[in-house]
Each structure stands twice: as structure tokens, then as C-alpha cells.
Amino acid sequence: MATQAQQLARALNILAKSPQFSYSKARAAARTDGNVDWPKTKARNDGFNPEVDGCESFVMNDGSLCDWLPSHFAFTGRPHA
């Protein structure tokens, strides 16, 4: 069974392949996912700067982490935040 982060990563990676991809669109899409733990996501990304950092990580309710991998220009789901 896929973690919540793997499911979100799959959805965000579809966006990442779009010619109109932007980090703000990825954030907006993540905001619609009811499985994102927003207080933990905000705490994890304290000091986040989109100009430098690209896209933030998303902490999920099941404890998994959806992380941006700039070297692969893709999101990945990790089992634990």
C-alpha cells in the first residue's frame, strides 16, 4: 500500500511534467490534499525561501514525507518525516 506521501508525489509529478509547471502550482495542488498535515509542514519548512529552496516538503497525516528532489526535478514519497 502506498503512503500518503507517495500518492501526493505521483499527483505532483504529473504537474511537474507540465510545460506550465511552477512551484506555486505544486503548493496549490498540495493544499487541496486533505492528507497534508499543515502545522507539521509549516514547522518543517520554517525559514523556507522559494527563491532559493524551490519547493517545500509536505508532511502527511500518516507521518510520511513528500519531498522535492531538485536533481531529479521530481517529488518523492518517503515513509517517515
N, C-alpha and C. Protein backbone atom coordinates (compact mmCIF):
# COMPACT_ATOMS: atom_id res chain seq x y z
N MET A 1 0.84 -1.19 0.00
CA MET A 1 0.00 0.00 0.00
C MET A 1 0.88 1.25 0.00
N ALA A 2 0.55 2.19 -0.82
CA ALA A 2 1.33 3.42 -0.94
C ALA A 2 1.07 4.34 0.25
N THR A 3 2.11 5.04 0.66
CA THR A 3 1.94 6.03 1.71
C THR A 3 1.21 7.25 1.13
N GLN A 4 0.72 8.09 2.02
CA GLN A 4 0.07 9.32 1.56
C GLN A 4 1.06 10.20 0.80
N ALA A 5 2.32 10.20 1.21
CA ALA A 5 3.34 10.99 0.52
C ALA A 5 3.59 10.47 -0.89
N GLN A 6 3.59 9.15 -1.06
CA GLN A 6 3.78 8.58 -2.40
C GLN A 6 2.62 8.96 -3.31
N GLN A 7 1.41 8.95 -2.77
CA GLN A 7 0.24 9.33 -3.56
C GLN A 7 0.32 10.79 -3.97
N LEU A 8 0.70 11.68 -3.03
CA LEU A 8 0.83 13.10 -3.36
C LEU A 8 1.98 13.30 -4.36
N ALA A 9 3.09 12.59 -4.17
CA ALA A 9 4.22 12.72 -5.09
C ALA A 9 3.81 12.36 -6.51
N ARG A 10 3.04 11.29 -6.66
CA ARG A 10 2.57 10.91 -8.01
C ARG A 10 1.75 12.03 -8.63
N ALA A 11 0.84 12.61 -7.86
CA ALA A 11 -0.01 13.69 -8.38
C ALA A 11 0.83 14.92 -8.72
N LEU A 12 1.77 15.28 -7.86
CA LEU A 12 2.59 16.46 -8.11
C LEU A 12 3.57 16.24 -9.26
N ASN A 13 4.03 15.01 -9.45
CA ASN A 13 4.94 14.73 -10.56
C ASN A 13 4.25 14.86 -11.91
N ILE A 14 2.96 14.61 -11.95
CA ILE A 14 2.21 14.85 -13.19
C ILE A 14 2.25 16.34 -13.51
N LEU A 15 2.07 17.17 -12.48
CA LEU A 15 2.17 18.63 -12.68
C LEU A 15 3.58 19.04 -13.09
N ALA A 16 4.59 18.41 -12.48
CA ALA A 16 5.98 18.78 -12.75
C ALA A 16 6.37 18.55 -14.20
N LYS A 17 5.69 17.63 -14.86
CA LYS A 17 5.99 17.34 -16.27
C LYS A 17 5.29 18.31 -17.22
N SER A 18 4.40 19.12 -16.67
CA SER A 18 3.66 20.08 -17.49
C SER A 18 4.56 21.25 -17.87
N PRO A 19 4.41 21.76 -19.09
CA PRO A 19 5.23 22.91 -19.50
C PRO A 19 4.94 24.17 -18.66
N GLN A 20 3.76 24.22 -18.04
CA GLN A 20 3.39 25.38 -17.24
C GLN A 20 3.66 25.15 -15.75
N PHE A 21 4.50 24.16 -15.42
CA PHE A 21 4.77 23.85 -14.02
C PHE A 21 5.39 25.03 -13.29
N SER A 22 4.95 25.22 -12.07
CA SER A 22 5.58 26.19 -11.18
C SER A 22 5.46 25.65 -9.76
N TYR A 23 6.35 26.11 -8.90
CA TYR A 23 6.30 25.67 -7.51
C TYR A 23 5.01 26.14 -6.84
N SER A 24 4.52 27.30 -7.24
CA SER A 24 3.27 27.79 -6.64
C SER A 24 2.10 26.90 -7.03
N LYS A 25 2.11 26.34 -8.24
CA LYS A 25 1.06 25.40 -8.65
C LYS A 25 1.17 24.11 -7.85
N ALA A 26 2.39 23.67 -7.57
CA ALA A 26 2.58 22.46 -6.76
C ALA A 26 2.06 22.71 -5.35
N ARG A 27 2.37 23.86 -4.77
CA ARG A 27 1.87 24.18 -3.43
C ARG A 27 0.35 24.24 -3.42
N ALA A 28 -0.23 24.84 -4.45
CA ALA A 28 -1.69 24.94 -4.53
C ALA A 28 -2.32 23.56 -4.62
N ALA A 29 -1.72 22.68 -5.40
CA ALA A 29 -2.25 21.32 -5.52
C ALA A 29 -2.13 20.59 -4.20
N ALA A 30 -1.02 20.77 -3.50
CA ALA A 30 -0.84 20.11 -2.20
C ALA A 30 -1.86 20.63 -1.19
N ARG A 31 -2.22 21.90 -1.30
CA ARG A 31 -3.20 22.47 -0.37
C ARG A 31 -4.57 21.82 -0.51
N THR A 32 -4.84 21.24 -1.66
CA THR A 32 -6.14 20.58 -1.85
C THR A 32 -6.15 19.15 -1.32
N ASP A 33 -4.97 18.63 -0.94
CA ASP A 33 -4.88 17.26 -0.44
C ASP A 33 -5.17 17.27 1.06
N GLY A 34 -6.23 16.62 1.44
CA GLY A 34 -6.64 16.58 2.84
C GLY A 34 -5.73 15.77 3.73
N ASN A 35 -4.75 15.07 3.15
CA ASN A 35 -3.84 14.26 3.95
C ASN A 35 -2.58 15.00 4.39
N VAL A 36 -2.41 16.26 3.95
CA VAL A 36 -1.24 17.04 4.35
C VAL A 36 -1.46 17.58 5.76
N ASP A 37 -0.49 17.36 6.63
CA ASP A 37 -0.52 17.89 8.00
C ASP A 37 0.10 19.28 7.95
N TRP A 38 -0.74 20.31 7.85
CA TRP A 38 -0.23 21.66 7.62
C TRP A 38 0.57 22.23 8.77
N PRO A 39 0.19 22.01 10.04
CA PRO A 39 1.06 22.53 11.11
C PRO A 39 2.47 21.92 11.07
N LYS A 40 2.57 20.60 10.84
CA LYS A 40 3.89 19.96 10.77
C LYS A 40 4.64 20.38 9.50
N THR A 41 3.91 20.56 8.40
CA THR A 41 4.54 21.02 7.16
C THR A 41 5.13 22.41 7.36
N LYS A 42 4.36 23.29 7.99
CA LYS A 42 4.84 24.66 8.24
C LYS A 42 6.07 24.64 9.14
N ALA A 43 6.04 23.81 10.19
CA ALA A 43 7.18 23.73 11.10
C ALA A 43 8.42 23.19 10.38
N ARG A 44 8.24 22.18 9.55
CA ARG A 44 9.37 21.58 8.83
C ARG A 44 10.00 22.58 7.86
N ASN A 45 9.20 23.45 7.30
CA ASN A 45 9.68 24.40 6.29
C ASN A 45 9.95 25.79 6.87
N ASP A 46 10.13 25.87 8.18
CA ASP A 46 10.43 27.15 8.82
C ASP A 46 11.68 27.74 8.16
N GLY A 47 11.59 28.96 7.72
CA GLY A 47 12.71 29.59 7.05
C GLY A 47 12.78 29.27 5.57
N PHE A 48 11.78 28.58 5.05
CA PHE A 48 11.75 28.21 3.63
C PHE A 48 11.73 29.45 2.76
N ASN A 49 12.55 29.45 1.73
CA ASN A 49 12.61 30.56 0.78
C ASN A 49 12.43 29.99 -0.62
N PRO A 50 11.26 30.21 -1.25
CA PRO A 50 11.02 29.61 -2.57
C PRO A 50 12.01 30.08 -3.64
N GLU A 51 12.60 31.26 -3.47
CA GLU A 51 13.57 31.76 -4.44
C GLU A 51 14.85 30.91 -4.43
N VAL A 52 15.17 30.35 -3.27
CA VAL A 52 16.40 29.58 -3.11
C VAL A 52 16.11 28.08 -3.04
N ASP A 53 15.07 27.72 -2.30
CA ASP A 53 14.81 26.32 -1.97
C ASP A 53 13.95 25.58 -2.98
N GLY A 54 13.32 26.27 -3.90
CA GLY A 54 12.46 25.60 -4.87
C GLY A 54 11.10 25.29 -4.29
N CYS A 55 10.87 24.04 -3.96
CA CYS A 55 9.57 23.65 -3.44
C CYS A 55 9.75 23.00 -2.07
N GLU A 56 8.85 23.33 -1.17
CA GLU A 56 8.97 22.78 0.17
C GLU A 56 8.55 21.32 0.23
N SER A 57 8.82 20.70 1.36
CA SER A 57 8.40 19.33 1.63
C SER A 57 7.03 19.37 2.30
N PHE A 58 6.28 18.29 2.14
CA PHE A 58 4.95 18.21 2.73
C PHE A 58 4.90 17.02 3.68
N VAL A 59 4.57 17.28 4.95
CA VAL A 59 4.43 16.23 5.95
C VAL A 59 2.98 15.75 5.91
N MET A 60 2.82 14.44 5.86
CA MET A 60 1.49 13.87 5.71
C MET A 60 0.95 13.38 7.06
N ASN A 61 -0.36 13.20 7.13
CA ASN A 61 -1.00 12.74 8.36
C ASN A 61 -0.53 11.36 8.80
N ASP A 62 -0.11 10.52 7.86
CA ASP A 62 0.38 9.18 8.24
C ASP A 62 1.85 9.19 8.65
N GLY A 63 2.47 10.39 8.69
CA GLY A 63 3.87 10.52 9.09
C GLY A 63 4.85 10.45 7.96
N SER A 64 4.38 10.18 6.75
CA SER A 64 5.29 10.12 5.60
C SER A 64 5.59 11.54 5.11
N LEU A 65 6.57 11.65 4.22
CA LEU A 65 7.06 12.95 3.75
C LEU A 65 7.11 12.97 2.23
N CYS A 66 6.52 13.98 1.64
CA CYS A 66 6.61 14.22 0.20
C CYS A 66 7.67 15.29 -0.01
N ASP A 67 8.78 14.89 -0.59
CA ASP A 67 9.97 15.73 -0.72
C ASP A 67 10.24 16.09 -2.18
N TRP A 68 10.69 17.31 -2.42
CA TRP A 68 11.12 17.75 -3.75
C TRP A 68 12.59 17.38 -3.92
N LEU A 69 12.90 16.72 -5.05
CA LEU A 69 14.28 16.37 -5.37
C LEU A 69 14.72 17.21 -6.58
N PRO A 70 15.40 18.33 -6.34
CA PRO A 70 15.75 19.21 -7.45
C PRO A 70 16.62 18.54 -8.50
N SER A 71 17.48 17.62 -8.09
CA SER A 71 18.36 16.96 -9.06
C SER A 71 17.59 16.08 -10.04
N HIS A 72 16.41 15.63 -9.63
CA HIS A 72 15.55 14.80 -10.50
C HIS A 72 14.36 15.58 -11.04
N PHE A 73 14.19 16.83 -10.58
CA PHE A 73 13.04 17.66 -10.93
C PHE A 73 11.75 16.86 -10.71
N ALA A 74 11.66 16.27 -9.51
CA ALA A 74 10.52 15.41 -9.19
C ALA A 74 10.31 15.36 -7.67
N PHE A 75 9.12 14.97 -7.29
CA PHE A 75 8.78 14.72 -5.89
C PHE A 75 8.95 13.24 -5.60
N THR A 76 9.24 12.92 -4.35
CA THR A 76 9.32 11.54 -3.91
C THR A 76 8.61 11.39 -2.58
N GLY A 77 8.06 10.22 -2.36
CA GLY A 77 7.41 9.92 -1.09
C GLY A 77 8.34 9.10 -0.22
N ARG A 78 8.54 9.57 1.00
CA ARG A 78 9.39 8.85 1.96
C ARG A 78 8.51 8.36 3.10
N PRO A 79 8.85 7.20 3.67
CA PRO A 79 7.97 6.62 4.69
C PRO A 79 7.85 7.44 5.97
N HIS A 80 8.87 8.18 6.38
CA HIS A 80 8.80 8.92 7.64
C HIS A 80 9.36 10.32 7.46
N ALA A 81 8.69 11.27 8.11
CA ALA A 81 9.11 12.68 8.02
C ALA A 81 10.34 12.97 8.83
